[in-house]
Amino acid sequence: MKRNRAFVLRHQKCAWMILMTAVLIFILQFSVETVQAEALELITAQLTNEGKTVKLTVNIAQNSQITSGRIKVHYPPELLKFIDAVEGGLWAIEDINASLTERGQNVTAYAWADTRKLDSAGTLLTMCWEAQEAANGQEVTVETEIVELYSMEEPIEVTSDWILNRLRLEFGGNSFGGYVRTGDDSSVVGDMLLCLGALLVLAQLIQCKIRE
């Protein structure tokens, strides 16, 4: 009896060691993937409004190492009337073209270039519109397309080359807005909990097998 008990305890200890090792491996892998994902989130955008004035701010992350690039901002002309586009002054050469159209949308293209790799955070571009009467009570969508990014001669890949911003406008009342990247349908926290749950179930099955 004592021998059987020692055998069971020894295998239970092994099972828990396997479980903890698996958890640690998952946590380390999750941490590395998170750091890599954060490193690739180089361009972000936020859409806000004050009354009928709608503003898009496109920012660049710290330590991006970018030297040149190009983005396009797509917006619906029937809902938003263009007022101004102002570059952030981060680069030696900057160019704005606000007279483009693509697929029924108005487009503002912004390109920049420099000889140094940018390591500080800052604002790439600020755009401003006046909301048309047709936008009242509507959800306005502005899309920022990351056309290309370079660090010297090397192209830089990003997690998503489109940034989707939505803002619901209510003139004379409260409004709300926010932005969401396309392709971010999965929940990292949910995946982590699911994986941990599977590991716990596996450990329980191992224990039941040992008891048999």
N, C-alpha and C. Protein backbone atom coordinates (compact mmCIF):
# COMPACT_ATOMS: atom_id res chain seq x y z
N MET A 1 0.83 -1.20 0.00
CA MET A 1 0.00 0.00 0.00
C MET A 1 0.86 1.26 0.00
N LYS A 2 1.90 1.25 0.86
CA LYS A 2 2.80 2.40 0.94
C LYS A 2 3.51 2.59 -0.40
N ARG A 3 3.87 1.46 -1.01
CA ARG A 3 4.58 1.55 -2.30
C ARG A 3 3.67 2.16 -3.37
N ASN A 4 2.39 1.72 -3.37
CA ASN A 4 1.45 2.27 -4.35
C ASN A 4 1.22 3.76 -4.12
N ARG A 5 1.14 4.15 -2.85
CA ARG A 5 0.92 5.57 -2.53
C ARG A 5 2.12 6.41 -2.98
N ALA A 6 3.33 5.89 -2.73
CA ALA A 6 4.53 6.61 -3.15
C ALA A 6 4.57 6.73 -4.68
N PHE A 7 4.13 5.66 -5.35
CA PHE A 7 4.10 5.67 -6.82
C PHE A 7 3.14 6.75 -7.33
N VAL A 8 1.96 6.82 -6.70
CA VAL A 8 0.97 7.82 -7.11
C VAL A 8 1.47 9.23 -6.84
N LEU A 9 2.05 9.46 -5.66
CA LEU A 9 2.55 10.79 -5.32
C LEU A 9 3.66 11.22 -6.27
N ARG A 10 4.53 10.26 -6.62
CA ARG A 10 5.64 10.58 -7.52
C ARG A 10 5.11 10.99 -8.89
N HIS A 11 4.09 10.27 -9.39
CA HIS A 11 3.54 10.60 -10.70
C HIS A 11 2.70 11.88 -10.67
N GLN A 12 2.06 12.14 -9.53
CA GLN A 12 1.35 13.41 -9.40
C GLN A 12 2.31 14.58 -9.46
N LYS A 13 3.46 14.42 -8.77
CA LYS A 13 4.47 15.47 -8.79
C LYS A 13 4.98 15.68 -10.21
N CYS A 14 5.18 14.62 -10.95
CA CYS A 14 5.65 14.73 -12.34
C CYS A 14 4.61 15.44 -13.21
N ALA A 15 3.34 15.10 -12.96
CA ALA A 15 2.28 15.72 -13.74
C ALA A 15 2.23 17.22 -13.52
N TRP A 16 2.37 17.64 -12.26
CA TRP A 16 2.34 19.07 -11.97
C TRP A 16 3.57 19.77 -12.50
N MET A 17 4.71 19.09 -12.50
CA MET A 17 5.92 19.69 -13.07
C MET A 17 5.75 19.91 -14.57
N ILE A 18 5.13 18.93 -15.25
CA ILE A 18 4.86 19.06 -16.68
C ILE A 18 3.92 20.23 -16.95
N LEU A 19 2.88 20.33 -16.09
CA LEU A 19 1.92 21.40 -16.24
C LEU A 19 2.58 22.77 -16.07
N MET A 20 3.37 22.94 -15.02
CA MET A 20 4.01 24.22 -14.75
C MET A 20 5.00 24.58 -15.85
N THR A 21 5.72 23.57 -16.37
CA THR A 21 6.65 23.83 -17.47
C THR A 21 5.90 24.33 -18.70
N ALA A 22 4.76 23.67 -19.00
CA ALA A 22 3.97 24.09 -20.15
C ALA A 22 3.45 25.51 -19.98
N VAL A 23 3.01 25.85 -18.74
CA VAL A 23 2.52 27.20 -18.47
C VAL A 23 3.63 28.22 -18.65
N LEU A 24 4.82 27.92 -18.14
CA LEU A 24 5.95 28.85 -18.26
C LEU A 24 6.34 29.05 -19.71
N ILE A 25 6.34 27.97 -20.50
CA ILE A 25 6.67 28.08 -21.92
C ILE A 25 5.66 28.97 -22.63
N PHE A 26 4.37 28.76 -22.29
CA PHE A 26 3.32 29.57 -22.92
C PHE A 26 3.48 31.04 -22.56
N ILE A 27 3.75 31.33 -21.27
CA ILE A 27 3.90 32.71 -20.83
C ILE A 27 5.07 33.38 -21.53
N LEU A 28 6.20 32.67 -21.65
CA LEU A 28 7.37 33.23 -22.32
C LEU A 28 7.08 33.50 -23.79
N GLN A 29 6.40 32.55 -24.44
CA GLN A 29 6.07 32.73 -25.84
C GLN A 29 5.10 33.89 -26.02
N PHE A 30 4.12 33.99 -25.11
CA PHE A 30 3.15 35.07 -25.17
C PHE A 30 3.84 36.42 -25.00
N SER A 31 4.82 36.50 -24.08
CA SER A 31 5.54 37.75 -23.84
C SER A 31 6.33 38.16 -25.07
N VAL A 32 7.01 37.21 -25.71
CA VAL A 32 7.80 37.51 -26.90
C VAL A 32 6.90 38.00 -28.03
N GLU A 33 5.76 37.30 -28.24
CA GLU A 33 4.85 37.69 -29.31
C GLU A 33 4.26 39.06 -29.04
N THR A 34 3.98 39.37 -27.75
CA THR A 34 3.43 40.68 -27.41
C THR A 34 4.43 41.78 -27.72
N VAL A 35 5.69 41.57 -27.35
CA VAL A 35 6.73 42.56 -27.62
C VAL A 35 6.88 42.78 -29.11
N GLN A 36 6.86 41.69 -29.90
CA GLN A 36 6.99 41.81 -31.34
C GLN A 36 5.81 42.57 -31.93
N ALA A 37 4.60 42.26 -31.44
CA ALA A 37 3.41 42.94 -31.94
C ALA A 37 3.46 44.43 -31.63
N GLU A 38 3.89 44.77 -30.39
CA GLU A 38 3.99 46.16 -30.01
C GLU A 38 5.04 46.89 -30.86
N ALA A 39 6.12 46.17 -31.19
CA ALA A 39 7.17 46.79 -31.97
C ALA A 39 6.69 47.12 -33.38
N LEU A 40 5.71 46.36 -33.88
CA LEU A 40 5.22 46.58 -35.22
C LEU A 40 4.06 47.57 -35.29
N GLU A 41 3.53 48.00 -34.15
CA GLU A 41 2.45 48.99 -34.14
C GLU A 41 3.08 50.37 -34.28
N LEU A 42 3.59 50.68 -35.45
CA LEU A 42 4.35 51.90 -35.64
C LEU A 42 3.48 53.12 -35.89
N ILE A 43 2.35 52.91 -36.56
CA ILE A 43 1.46 54.00 -36.91
C ILE A 43 0.10 53.80 -36.24
N THR A 44 -0.39 54.81 -35.56
CA THR A 44 -1.72 54.77 -34.94
C THR A 44 -2.49 56.01 -35.36
N ALA A 45 -3.81 55.94 -35.22
CA ALA A 45 -4.64 57.09 -35.60
C ALA A 45 -5.83 57.18 -34.67
N GLN A 46 -6.28 58.41 -34.42
CA GLN A 46 -7.44 58.64 -33.56
C GLN A 46 -8.34 59.70 -34.18
N LEU A 47 -9.64 59.41 -34.18
CA LEU A 47 -10.64 60.31 -34.75
C LEU A 47 -11.48 60.90 -33.63
N THR A 48 -11.57 62.22 -33.57
CA THR A 48 -12.33 62.91 -32.52
C THR A 48 -13.15 64.03 -33.16
N ASN A 49 -14.04 64.59 -32.36
CA ASN A 49 -14.80 65.74 -32.85
C ASN A 49 -15.20 66.66 -31.72
N GLU A 50 -15.39 67.93 -32.09
CA GLU A 50 -15.99 68.94 -31.22
C GLU A 50 -17.09 69.60 -32.04
N GLY A 51 -18.33 69.23 -31.76
CA GLY A 51 -19.43 69.70 -32.59
C GLY A 51 -19.30 69.17 -34.00
N LYS A 52 -19.30 70.07 -34.98
CA LYS A 52 -19.18 69.67 -36.38
C LYS A 52 -17.73 69.56 -36.85
N THR A 53 -16.80 69.93 -36.02
CA THR A 53 -15.39 69.85 -36.39
C THR A 53 -14.86 68.46 -36.07
N VAL A 54 -14.39 67.76 -37.10
CA VAL A 54 -13.87 66.40 -36.96
C VAL A 54 -12.38 66.41 -37.23
N LYS A 55 -11.61 65.75 -36.37
CA LYS A 55 -10.15 65.78 -36.50
C LYS A 55 -9.57 64.38 -36.44
N LEU A 56 -8.64 64.10 -37.33
CA LEU A 56 -7.89 62.84 -37.34
C LEU A 56 -6.44 63.15 -37.03
N THR A 57 -5.90 62.46 -36.03
CA THR A 57 -4.49 62.61 -35.67
C THR A 57 -3.78 61.30 -35.92
N VAL A 58 -2.79 61.32 -36.80
CA VAL A 58 -2.00 60.13 -37.13
C VAL A 58 -0.63 60.26 -36.46
N ASN A 59 -0.30 59.29 -35.62
CA ASN A 59 0.93 59.36 -34.83
C ASN A 59 1.91 58.25 -35.19
N ILE A 60 3.16 58.48 -34.88
CA ILE A 60 4.21 57.49 -35.07
C ILE A 60 4.77 57.11 -33.72
N ALA A 61 5.05 55.82 -33.54
CA ALA A 61 5.51 55.31 -32.24
C ALA A 61 6.98 55.67 -31.99
N GLN A 62 7.35 55.57 -30.73
CA GLN A 62 8.73 55.83 -30.35
C GLN A 62 9.65 54.72 -30.86
N ASN A 63 10.87 55.12 -31.23
CA ASN A 63 11.91 54.18 -31.69
C ASN A 63 11.46 53.40 -32.92
N SER A 64 10.80 54.08 -33.83
CA SER A 64 10.30 53.42 -35.05
C SER A 64 11.43 53.11 -36.03
N GLN A 65 12.49 53.91 -36.03
CA GLN A 65 13.62 53.76 -36.96
C GLN A 65 13.21 54.00 -38.41
N ILE A 66 12.11 54.70 -38.62
CA ILE A 66 11.63 55.01 -39.96
C ILE A 66 12.40 56.19 -40.55
N THR A 67 12.70 56.12 -41.83
CA THR A 67 13.34 57.24 -42.53
C THR A 67 12.43 57.83 -43.61
N SER A 68 11.52 57.03 -44.15
CA SER A 68 10.61 57.55 -45.17
C SER A 68 9.34 56.70 -45.21
N GLY A 69 8.30 57.25 -45.82
CA GLY A 69 7.06 56.50 -45.92
C GLY A 69 5.97 57.28 -46.61
N ARG A 70 4.83 56.63 -46.72
CA ARG A 70 3.67 57.27 -47.36
C ARG A 70 2.40 56.66 -46.81
N ILE A 71 1.42 57.51 -46.51
CA ILE A 71 0.10 57.06 -46.06
C ILE A 71 -0.97 57.77 -46.88
N LYS A 72 -2.18 57.18 -46.89
CA LYS A 72 -3.34 57.80 -47.51
C LYS A 72 -4.50 57.79 -46.53
N VAL A 73 -5.22 58.89 -46.47
CA VAL A 73 -6.41 58.98 -45.62
C VAL A 73 -7.64 59.04 -46.52
N HIS A 74 -8.52 58.05 -46.38
CA HIS A 74 -9.74 57.95 -47.18
C HIS A 74 -10.93 58.39 -46.33
N TYR A 75 -11.82 59.24 -46.91
CA TYR A 75 -12.98 59.69 -46.15
C TYR A 75 -14.15 59.97 -47.10
N PRO A 76 -15.39 59.91 -46.60
CA PRO A 76 -16.57 60.11 -47.45
C PRO A 76 -16.88 61.60 -47.65
N PRO A 77 -16.82 62.09 -48.88
CA PRO A 77 -17.04 63.53 -49.12
C PRO A 77 -18.48 63.97 -48.85
N GLU A 78 -19.43 63.03 -48.91
CA GLU A 78 -20.83 63.40 -48.65
C GLU A 78 -21.09 63.65 -47.16
N LEU A 79 -20.16 63.21 -46.31
CA LEU A 79 -20.31 63.40 -44.86
C LEU A 79 -19.30 64.37 -44.28
N LEU A 80 -18.13 64.46 -44.89
CA LEU A 80 -17.06 65.30 -44.35
C LEU A 80 -16.55 66.27 -45.42
N LYS A 81 -16.48 67.56 -45.07
CA LYS A 81 -15.94 68.59 -45.96
C LYS A 81 -14.53 68.94 -45.50
N PHE A 82 -13.57 68.75 -46.40
CA PHE A 82 -12.16 68.97 -46.06
C PHE A 82 -11.90 70.43 -45.70
N ILE A 83 -11.17 70.61 -44.58
CA ILE A 83 -10.76 71.95 -44.16
C ILE A 83 -9.25 72.13 -44.29
N ASP A 84 -8.48 71.20 -43.68
CA ASP A 84 -7.03 71.40 -43.68
C ASP A 84 -6.32 70.09 -43.36
N ALA A 85 -5.06 70.00 -43.79
CA ALA A 85 -4.18 68.89 -43.44
C ALA A 85 -2.81 69.48 -43.13
N VAL A 86 -2.30 69.15 -41.96
CA VAL A 86 -1.04 69.76 -41.50
C VAL A 86 -0.05 68.66 -41.13
N GLU A 87 1.14 68.70 -41.73
CA GLU A 87 2.18 67.73 -41.39
C GLU A 87 2.76 68.03 -40.02
N GLY A 88 3.36 66.99 -39.40
CA GLY A 88 3.86 67.13 -38.05
C GLY A 88 5.23 67.77 -37.92
N GLY A 89 5.94 67.97 -39.04
CA GLY A 89 7.24 68.63 -38.99
C GLY A 89 8.36 67.74 -38.47
N LEU A 90 8.21 66.42 -38.63
CA LEU A 90 9.23 65.50 -38.11
C LEU A 90 10.33 65.21 -39.12
N TRP A 91 10.10 65.54 -40.40
CA TRP A 91 10.99 65.08 -41.46
C TRP A 91 11.57 66.23 -42.25
N ALA A 92 12.69 65.96 -42.93
CA ALA A 92 13.34 66.97 -43.76
C ALA A 92 12.49 67.31 -44.98
N ILE A 93 11.83 66.31 -45.55
CA ILE A 93 10.97 66.51 -46.72
C ILE A 93 9.58 65.97 -46.39
N GLU A 94 8.55 66.79 -46.60
CA GLU A 94 7.17 66.39 -46.38
C GLU A 94 6.30 66.92 -47.52
N ASP A 95 5.32 66.11 -47.93
CA ASP A 95 4.45 66.52 -49.04
C ASP A 95 3.04 66.03 -48.80
N ILE A 96 2.06 66.91 -49.03
CA ILE A 96 0.65 66.58 -48.86
C ILE A 96 -0.09 66.84 -50.17
N ASN A 97 -0.88 65.85 -50.59
CA ASN A 97 -1.75 66.00 -51.76
C ASN A 97 -3.17 65.71 -51.32
N ALA A 98 -4.00 66.74 -51.24
CA ALA A 98 -5.35 66.60 -50.70
C ALA A 98 -6.41 66.57 -51.79
N SER A 99 -6.02 66.34 -53.04
CA SER A 99 -6.97 66.44 -54.16
C SER A 99 -7.22 65.11 -54.86
N LEU A 100 -6.97 63.98 -54.20
CA LEU A 100 -7.12 62.67 -54.82
C LEU A 100 -8.51 62.10 -54.55
N THR A 101 -8.94 61.20 -55.43
CA THR A 101 -10.18 60.44 -55.24
C THR A 101 -9.92 58.99 -55.61
N GLU A 102 -10.51 58.07 -54.84
CA GLU A 102 -10.40 56.64 -55.11
C GLU A 102 -11.69 55.94 -54.67
N ARG A 103 -12.30 55.19 -55.58
CA ARG A 103 -13.49 54.39 -55.28
C ARG A 103 -14.59 55.21 -54.60
N GLY A 104 -14.83 56.41 -55.12
CA GLY A 104 -15.90 57.25 -54.61
C GLY A 104 -15.57 57.97 -53.31
N GLN A 105 -14.36 57.83 -52.83
CA GLN A 105 -13.93 58.50 -51.60
C GLN A 105 -12.90 59.58 -51.94
N ASN A 106 -12.87 60.62 -51.14
CA ASN A 106 -11.79 61.60 -51.24
C ASN A 106 -10.58 61.07 -50.48
N VAL A 107 -9.41 61.37 -51.00
CA VAL A 107 -8.17 60.83 -50.42
C VAL A 107 -7.15 61.94 -50.27
N THR A 108 -6.51 61.96 -49.12
CA THR A 108 -5.36 62.84 -48.88
C THR A 108 -4.13 61.96 -48.70
N ALA A 109 -3.11 62.19 -49.54
CA ALA A 109 -1.87 61.42 -49.47
C ALA A 109 -0.78 62.26 -48.80
N TYR A 110 -0.05 61.62 -47.93
CA TYR A 110 1.05 62.29 -47.22
C TYR A 110 2.31 61.44 -47.34
N ALA A 111 3.39 62.04 -47.82
CA ALA A 111 4.67 61.34 -47.98
C ALA A 111 5.76 62.13 -47.29
N TRP A 112 6.79 61.40 -46.82
CA TRP A 112 7.89 62.06 -46.13
C TRP A 112 9.19 61.29 -46.36
N ALA A 113 10.31 61.99 -46.11
CA ALA A 113 11.63 61.35 -46.27
C ALA A 113 12.64 62.13 -45.44
N ASP A 114 13.67 61.39 -45.00
CA ASP A 114 14.74 61.99 -44.21
C ASP A 114 15.97 61.10 -44.32
N THR A 115 17.09 61.60 -43.84
CA THR A 115 18.32 60.80 -43.87
C THR A 115 18.62 60.16 -42.52
N ARG A 116 17.84 60.50 -41.51
CA ARG A 116 18.05 59.95 -40.18
C ARG A 116 16.90 59.01 -39.80
N LYS A 117 17.20 58.03 -38.97
CA LYS A 117 16.18 57.11 -38.45
C LYS A 117 15.51 57.75 -37.25
N LEU A 118 14.19 57.86 -37.31
CA LEU A 118 13.45 58.52 -36.24
C LEU A 118 13.35 57.61 -35.02
N ASP A 119 13.73 58.12 -33.85
CA ASP A 119 13.62 57.33 -32.63
C ASP A 119 12.66 57.95 -31.61
N SER A 120 12.09 59.10 -31.92
CA SER A 120 11.15 59.74 -31.00
C SER A 120 9.72 59.63 -31.52
N ALA A 121 8.77 59.62 -30.60
CA ALA A 121 7.36 59.59 -30.98
C ALA A 121 6.91 60.98 -31.43
N GLY A 122 5.86 61.02 -32.23
CA GLY A 122 5.37 62.31 -32.67
C GLY A 122 4.15 62.18 -33.56
N THR A 123 3.66 63.31 -34.05
CA THR A 123 2.50 63.35 -34.92
C THR A 123 2.94 63.44 -36.37
N LEU A 124 2.48 62.49 -37.18
CA LEU A 124 2.78 62.51 -38.61
C LEU A 124 1.92 63.54 -39.33
N LEU A 125 0.61 63.47 -39.07
CA LEU A 125 -0.35 64.27 -39.84
C LEU A 125 -1.58 64.55 -39.00
N THR A 126 -2.10 65.76 -39.14
CA THR A 126 -3.37 66.12 -38.51
C THR A 126 -4.31 66.62 -39.60
N MET A 127 -5.47 65.98 -39.70
CA MET A 127 -6.47 66.39 -40.69
C MET A 127 -7.71 66.91 -40.00
N CYS A 128 -8.35 67.88 -40.65
CA CYS A 128 -9.53 68.51 -40.06
C CYS A 128 -10.63 68.63 -41.13
N TRP A 129 -11.87 68.29 -40.74
CA TRP A 129 -13.03 68.40 -41.62
C TRP A 129 -14.16 69.12 -40.89
N GLU A 130 -15.12 69.56 -41.69
CA GLU A 130 -16.40 70.03 -41.15
C GLU A 130 -17.46 69.00 -41.53
N ALA A 131 -18.17 68.52 -40.53
CA ALA A 131 -19.20 67.52 -40.79
C ALA A 131 -20.37 68.15 -41.54
N GLN A 132 -20.81 67.45 -42.60
CA GLN A 132 -21.96 67.92 -43.36
C GLN A 132 -23.24 67.61 -42.59
N GLU A 133 -24.34 68.27 -42.96
CA GLU A 133 -25.63 68.03 -42.30
C GLU A 133 -26.05 66.57 -42.42
N ALA A 134 -25.66 65.94 -43.52
CA ALA A 134 -26.02 64.53 -43.73
C ALA A 134 -25.35 63.60 -42.73
N ALA A 135 -24.31 64.08 -42.05
CA ALA A 135 -23.59 63.25 -41.09
C ALA A 135 -24.25 63.21 -39.72
N ASN A 136 -25.24 64.07 -39.50
CA ASN A 136 -25.90 64.13 -38.20
C ASN A 136 -26.60 62.80 -37.90
N GLY A 137 -26.21 62.17 -36.78
CA GLY A 137 -26.78 60.89 -36.38
C GLY A 137 -26.18 59.71 -37.11
N GLN A 138 -25.16 59.95 -37.95
CA GLN A 138 -24.54 58.89 -38.72
C GLN A 138 -23.18 58.49 -38.13
N GLU A 139 -22.76 57.29 -38.46
CA GLU A 139 -21.43 56.84 -38.11
C GLU A 139 -20.49 57.15 -39.27
N VAL A 140 -19.50 57.97 -39.01
CA VAL A 140 -18.54 58.38 -40.04
C VAL A 140 -17.32 57.47 -39.95
N THR A 141 -16.86 56.99 -41.09
CA THR A 141 -15.69 56.11 -41.14
C THR A 141 -14.57 56.78 -41.92
N VAL A 142 -13.39 56.84 -41.31
CA VAL A 142 -12.19 57.35 -41.95
C VAL A 142 -11.15 56.25 -41.93
N GLU A 143 -10.53 55.97 -43.08
CA GLU A 143 -9.55 54.90 -43.19
C GLU A 143 -8.17 55.47 -43.50
N THR A 144 -7.19 55.04 -42.71
CA THR A 144 -5.81 55.44 -42.95
C THR A 144 -5.05 54.24 -43.52
N GLU A 145 -4.60 54.38 -44.73
CA GLU A 145 -3.87 53.32 -45.42
C GLU A 145 -2.36 53.57 -45.30
N ILE A 146 -1.64 52.59 -44.73
CA ILE A 146 -0.18 52.68 -44.66
C ILE A 146 0.36 52.10 -45.96
N VAL A 147 0.74 52.95 -46.88
CA VAL A 147 1.16 52.51 -48.21
C VAL A 147 2.55 51.89 -48.17
N GLU A 148 3.50 52.58 -47.52
CA GLU A 148 4.86 52.05 -47.42
C GLU A 148 5.62 52.73 -46.29
N LEU A 149 6.52 51.97 -45.68
CA LEU A 149 7.41 52.48 -44.65
C LEU A 149 8.81 51.92 -44.91
N TYR A 150 9.82 52.78 -44.74
CA TYR A 150 11.19 52.34 -44.97
C TYR A 150 12.10 52.81 -43.83
N SER A 151 13.09 51.97 -43.53
CA SER A 151 14.20 52.36 -42.67
C SER A 151 15.45 52.29 -43.55
N MET A 152 15.89 53.45 -44.03
CA MET A 152 16.91 53.54 -45.07
C MET A 152 16.40 52.80 -46.31
N GLU A 153 17.08 51.75 -46.75
CA GLU A 153 16.65 51.03 -47.95
C GLU A 153 15.77 49.81 -47.63
N GLU A 154 15.59 49.51 -46.35
CA GLU A 154 14.85 48.33 -45.95
C GLU A 154 13.37 48.63 -45.73
N PRO A 155 12.46 47.90 -46.39
CA PRO A 155 11.03 48.08 -46.13
C PRO A 155 10.67 47.57 -44.74
N ILE A 156 9.71 48.22 -44.10
CA ILE A 156 9.25 47.84 -42.76
C ILE A 156 7.85 47.26 -42.87
N GLU A 157 7.66 46.08 -42.30
CA GLU A 157 6.34 45.46 -42.27
C GLU A 157 5.58 45.91 -41.03
N VAL A 158 4.28 46.06 -41.16
CA VAL A 158 3.43 46.42 -40.03
C VAL A 158 2.35 45.36 -39.86
N THR A 159 1.74 45.31 -38.67
CA THR A 159 0.74 44.28 -38.39
C THR A 159 -0.49 44.43 -39.27
N SER A 160 -0.83 45.64 -39.62
CA SER A 160 -1.97 45.88 -40.50
C SER A 160 -1.69 47.13 -41.30
N ASP A 161 -2.00 47.10 -42.61
CA ASP A 161 -1.74 48.27 -43.42
C ASP A 161 -2.95 49.18 -43.57
N TRP A 162 -4.03 48.91 -42.82
CA TRP A 162 -5.19 49.79 -42.79
C TRP A 162 -5.59 50.06 -41.35
N ILE A 163 -5.88 51.30 -41.04
CA ILE A 163 -6.40 51.69 -39.72
C ILE A 163 -7.80 52.24 -39.94
N LEU A 164 -8.77 51.61 -39.30
CA LEU A 164 -10.16 51.98 -39.47
C LEU A 164 -10.64 52.78 -38.26
N ASN A 165 -11.12 54.00 -38.51
CA ASN A 165 -11.64 54.88 -37.45
C ASN A 165 -13.12 55.12 -37.68
N ARG A 166 -13.91 54.93 -36.62
CA ARG A 166 -15.35 55.19 -36.70
C ARG A 166 -15.75 56.21 -35.64
N LEU A 167 -16.65 57.11 -36.00
CA LEU A 167 -17.11 58.13 -35.07
C LEU A 167 -18.57 58.44 -35.37
N ARG A 168 -19.42 58.31 -34.36
CA ARG A 168 -20.84 58.64 -34.53
C ARG A 168 -21.05 60.10 -34.13
N LEU A 169 -21.66 60.85 -35.01
CA LEU A 169 -21.84 62.29 -34.80
C LEU A 169 -23.28 62.61 -34.40
N GLU A 170 -23.40 63.40 -33.36
CA GLU A 170 -24.70 63.89 -32.91
C GLU A 170 -24.54 65.39 -32.67
N PHE A 171 -24.99 66.20 -33.60
CA PHE A 171 -24.83 67.64 -33.47
C PHE A 171 -25.66 68.17 -32.31
N GLY A 172 -25.03 68.96 -31.47
CA GLY A 172 -25.73 69.56 -30.34
C GLY A 172 -25.92 68.63 -29.18
N GLY A 173 -25.38 67.41 -29.27
CA GLY A 173 -25.51 66.46 -28.17
C GLY A 173 -24.19 65.76 -27.92
N ASN A 174 -24.26 64.66 -27.21
CA ASN A 174 -23.06 63.89 -26.93
C ASN A 174 -22.64 63.10 -28.15
N SER A 175 -21.36 62.91 -28.31
CA SER A 175 -20.84 62.10 -29.39
C SER A 175 -19.78 61.17 -28.84
N PHE A 176 -19.54 60.12 -29.55
CA PHE A 176 -18.50 59.20 -29.10
C PHE A 176 -17.76 58.69 -30.31
N GLY A 177 -16.58 58.19 -30.08
CA GLY A 177 -15.80 57.68 -31.20
C GLY A 177 -14.64 56.86 -30.71
N GLY A 178 -13.93 56.25 -31.63
CA GLY A 178 -12.77 55.45 -31.29
C GLY A 178 -12.19 54.86 -32.54
N TYR A 179 -11.15 54.08 -32.42
CA TYR A 179 -10.58 53.47 -33.61
C TYR A 179 -10.28 52.01 -33.34
N VAL A 180 -10.29 51.23 -34.40
CA VAL A 180 -10.00 49.80 -34.30
C VAL A 180 -9.26 49.37 -35.54
N ARG A 181 -8.20 48.59 -35.36
CA ARG A 181 -7.44 48.10 -36.51
C ARG A 181 -8.17 46.92 -37.14
N THR A 182 -8.18 46.89 -38.47
CA THR A 182 -8.75 45.73 -39.13
C THR A 182 -7.87 44.53 -38.89
N GLY A 183 -8.50 43.36 -38.80
CA GLY A 183 -7.75 42.13 -38.58
C GLY A 183 -7.50 41.82 -37.13
N ASP A 184 -8.00 42.68 -36.19
CA ASP A 184 -7.81 42.43 -34.77
C ASP A 184 -9.05 41.83 -34.16
N ASP A 185 -9.62 40.79 -34.79
CA ASP A 185 -10.85 40.19 -34.30
C ASP A 185 -10.60 39.25 -33.12
N SER A 186 -9.36 38.74 -32.99
CA SER A 186 -9.08 37.77 -31.94
C SER A 186 -8.77 38.46 -30.62
N SER A 187 -9.09 37.79 -29.53
CA SER A 187 -8.82 38.31 -28.20
C SER A 187 -7.62 37.58 -27.62
N VAL A 188 -6.55 38.30 -27.35
CA VAL A 188 -5.34 37.67 -26.81
C VAL A 188 -5.60 37.12 -25.43
N VAL A 189 -6.34 37.88 -24.60
CA VAL A 189 -6.63 37.42 -23.25
C VAL A 189 -7.48 36.16 -23.30
N GLY A 190 -8.47 36.15 -24.20
CA GLY A 190 -9.32 34.97 -24.32
C GLY A 190 -8.53 33.75 -24.74
N ASP A 191 -7.61 33.90 -25.68
CA ASP A 191 -6.78 32.78 -26.13
C ASP A 191 -5.91 32.27 -25.00
N MET A 192 -5.39 33.19 -24.19
CA MET A 192 -4.53 32.80 -23.08
C MET A 192 -5.32 31.98 -22.05
N LEU A 193 -6.53 32.45 -21.71
CA LEU A 193 -7.35 31.73 -20.74
C LEU A 193 -7.76 30.37 -21.28
N LEU A 194 -8.07 30.31 -22.58
CA LEU A 194 -8.44 29.04 -23.18
C LEU A 194 -7.30 28.04 -23.12
N CYS A 195 -6.09 28.50 -23.39
CA CYS A 195 -4.93 27.62 -23.36
C CYS A 195 -4.66 27.12 -21.94
N LEU A 196 -4.75 28.03 -20.96
CA LEU A 196 -4.52 27.63 -19.57
C LEU A 196 -5.58 26.64 -19.12
N GLY A 197 -6.82 26.86 -19.55
CA GLY A 197 -7.89 25.93 -19.20
C GLY A 197 -7.63 24.55 -19.77
N ALA A 198 -7.14 24.49 -21.00
CA ALA A 198 -6.83 23.21 -21.63
C ALA A 198 -5.71 22.49 -20.88
N LEU A 199 -4.74 23.23 -20.42
CA LEU A 199 -3.64 22.64 -19.66
C LEU A 199 -4.12 22.07 -18.33
N LEU A 200 -5.03 22.78 -17.67
CA LEU A 200 -5.58 22.30 -16.40
C LEU A 200 -6.38 21.02 -16.60
N VAL A 201 -7.17 20.98 -17.68
CA VAL A 201 -7.93 19.77 -17.99
C VAL A 201 -6.99 18.60 -18.25
N LEU A 202 -5.89 18.87 -18.98
CA LEU A 202 -4.91 17.83 -19.27
C LEU A 202 -4.30 17.30 -17.98
N ALA A 203 -3.98 18.19 -17.06
CA ALA A 203 -3.40 17.77 -15.78
C ALA A 203 -4.38 16.92 -14.99
N GLN A 204 -5.67 17.30 -15.04
CA GLN A 204 -6.69 16.54 -14.32
C GLN A 204 -6.81 15.13 -14.90
N LEU A 205 -6.75 15.02 -16.22
CA LEU A 205 -6.83 13.71 -16.86
C LEU A 205 -5.64 12.84 -16.48
N ILE A 206 -4.46 13.46 -16.39
CA ILE A 206 -3.26 12.72 -15.99
C ILE A 206 -3.43 12.19 -14.57
N GLN A 207 -3.97 13.01 -13.68
CA GLN A 207 -4.19 12.59 -12.30
C GLN A 207 -5.16 11.42 -12.23
N CYS A 208 -6.26 11.50 -13.00
CA CYS A 208 -7.26 10.42 -13.01
C CYS A 208 -6.65 9.13 -13.54
N LYS A 209 -5.81 9.25 -14.54
CA LYS A 209 -5.15 8.07 -15.11
C LYS A 209 -4.23 7.43 -14.08
N ILE A 210 -3.53 8.25 -13.32
CA ILE A 210 -2.61 7.73 -12.29
C ILE A 210 -3.39 6.99 -11.22
N ARG A 211 -4.56 7.54 -10.81
CA ARG A 211 -5.35 6.93 -9.75
C ARG A 211 -5.85 5.55 -10.18
N GLU A 212 -6.08 5.38 -11.50
CA GLU A 212 -6.53 4.09 -11.98
C GLU A 212 -5.43 3.04 -11.86
